[in-house]
């Protein structure tokens, strides 16, 4: 969240094991609850919510990995296109234990835990 549930459906169609927080009954859950669930299930969080990097840093967490979309309003098509390009260019090891911050011109990777 706040990205559309259609992104999870699209990722599933691409062969990824993806679910939206709403589908898990977590649409009103605290961010920390979503983080714990993602960690427990070995998932990556994809969001535009700026609270997640801060929460991972404060917890000195190494999991879950996070893909964060920044830089204004993204259309669903823009998110899918940008994410497809990134997933083609990065391996699972590149994403593991990382925060990927995606904006319109670049991708920044920061390894977890954050000091």
Protein backbone atom coordinates (compact mmCIF):
# COMPACT_ATOMS: atom_id res chain seq x y z
CA UNK A 1 0.00 0.00 0.00
CA UNK A 2 -0.57 2.75 -1.28
CA UNK A 3 0.10 1.07 -4.62
CA UNK A 4 -2.81 -0.54 -6.43
CA UNK A 5 -3.79 -4.18 -5.90
CA UNK A 6 -3.50 -4.54 -9.68
CA UNK A 7 0.29 -4.35 -9.28
CA UNK A 8 0.25 -7.56 -7.22
CA UNK A 9 -2.00 -9.19 -9.83
CA UNK A 10 0.39 -8.11 -12.60
CA UNK A 11 3.40 -9.45 -10.68
CA UNK A 12 1.58 -12.77 -10.22
CA UNK A 13 0.93 -12.91 -13.96
CA UNK A 14 4.69 -12.44 -14.45
CA UNK A 15 5.36 -15.53 -12.31
CA UNK A 16 6.09 -13.85 -8.97
CA UNK A 17 4.46 -14.88 -5.71
CA UNK A 18 2.81 -11.52 -5.05
CA UNK A 19 -0.10 -10.42 -2.88
CA UNK A 20 -1.45 -7.03 -1.94
CA UNK A 21 -1.77 -6.14 1.75
CA UNK A 22 -5.53 -5.79 1.21
CA UNK A 23 -5.74 -9.42 0.06
CA UNK A 24 -4.14 -10.46 3.34
CA UNK A 25 -6.58 -8.44 5.43
CA UNK A 26 -3.87 -5.89 6.24
CA UNK A 27 -5.45 -2.83 4.61
CA UNK A 28 -5.80 -1.11 8.02
CA UNK A 29 -2.77 -2.74 9.65
CA UNK A 30 0.13 -0.79 11.07
CA UNK A 31 3.20 -0.60 8.87
CA UNK A 32 5.11 -2.61 11.49
CA UNK A 33 2.56 -5.43 11.18
CA UNK A 34 3.01 -5.48 7.41
CA UNK A 35 6.79 -5.56 7.87
CA UNK A 36 6.54 -8.48 10.30
CA UNK A 37 4.26 -10.41 7.93
CA UNK A 38 6.57 -9.78 4.97
CA UNK A 39 9.58 -10.89 7.02
CA UNK A 40 7.81 -14.05 8.20
CA UNK A 41 6.73 -14.97 4.65
CA UNK A 42 10.02 -13.99 2.98
CA UNK A 43 8.36 -11.28 0.88
CA UNK A 44 9.55 -7.97 -0.54
CA UNK A 45 7.50 -4.88 0.22
CA UNK A 46 6.74 -2.64 -2.76
CA UNK A 47 5.34 0.73 -1.75
CA UNK A 48 5.34 4.49 -2.12
CA UNK A 49 5.00 4.96 1.65
CA UNK A 50 8.03 6.80 3.03
CA UNK A 51 7.58 5.39 6.54
CA UNK A 52 8.97 1.97 5.63
CA UNK A 53 12.67 2.90 5.21
CA UNK A 54 12.59 4.75 8.52
CA UNK A 55 11.01 1.78 10.31
CA UNK A 56 13.55 -0.63 8.85
CA UNK A 57 16.40 1.69 9.83
CA UNK A 58 15.16 2.15 13.40
CA UNK A 59 14.82 -1.62 13.81
CA UNK A 60 18.25 -2.21 12.23
CA UNK A 61 16.42 -4.82 10.18
CA UNK A 62 17.99 -6.91 7.46
CA UNK A 63 14.59 -8.09 6.22
CA UNK A 64 12.26 -7.62 4.49
CA UNK A 65 13.67 -6.03 1.38
CA UNK A 66 11.87 -2.93 0.19
CA UNK A 67 11.18 -1.40 -3.21
CA UNK A 68 10.16 2.22 -2.71
CA UNK A 69 8.66 4.37 -5.48
CA UNK A 70 9.44 8.08 -5.06
CA UNK A 71 8.95 11.22 -7.03
CA UNK A 72 5.31 12.05 -7.24
CA UNK A 73 2.26 10.45 -8.69
CA UNK A 74 2.97 7.35 -10.72
CA UNK A 75 0.36 5.86 -13.00
CA UNK A 76 -0.18 2.12 -12.71
CA UNK A 77 1.38 1.70 -16.14
CA UNK A 78 4.47 3.71 -15.15
CA UNK A 79 4.94 1.61 -12.00
CA UNK A 80 4.62 -1.65 -13.96
CA UNK A 81 6.97 -0.51 -16.72
CA UNK A 82 9.59 0.79 -14.31
CA UNK A 83 9.37 -2.29 -12.10
CA UNK A 84 9.61 -4.64 -15.11
CA UNK A 85 12.80 -2.92 -16.26
CA UNK A 86 14.31 -3.09 -12.78
CA UNK A 87 13.44 -6.75 -12.27
CA UNK A 88 15.03 -7.58 -15.65
CA UNK A 89 18.25 -5.85 -14.61
CA UNK A 90 18.64 -7.05 -11.03
CA UNK A 91 19.09 -10.49 -9.57
CA UNK A 92 17.44 -11.76 -6.40
CA UNK A 93 20.81 -11.25 -4.67
CA UNK A 94 20.82 -7.59 -5.76
CA UNK A 95 17.44 -7.06 -4.12
CA UNK A 96 17.97 -9.21 -1.04
CA UNK A 97 18.52 -7.32 2.21
CA UNK A 98 18.19 -3.99 0.42
CA UNK A 99 16.08 -0.94 0.01
CA UNK A 100 15.69 -0.01 -3.65
CA UNK A 101 14.55 3.57 -4.07
CA UNK A 102 13.07 4.11 -7.50
CA UNK A 103 12.51 7.46 -9.06
CA UNK A 104 11.92 8.39 -12.65
CA UNK A 105 15.60 8.67 -13.59
CA UNK A 106 17.50 6.26 -11.36
CA UNK A 107 17.47 3.42 -8.89
CA UNK A 108 19.42 3.63 -5.67
CA UNK A 109 20.22 0.59 -3.57
CA UNK A 110 21.01 0.68 0.10
CA UNK A 111 21.95 -2.50 1.93
CA UNK A 112 20.23 -3.42 5.15
CA UNK A 113 20.75 -2.88 8.01
CA UNK A 114 21.05 0.88 7.77
CA UNK A 115 23.50 2.39 10.24
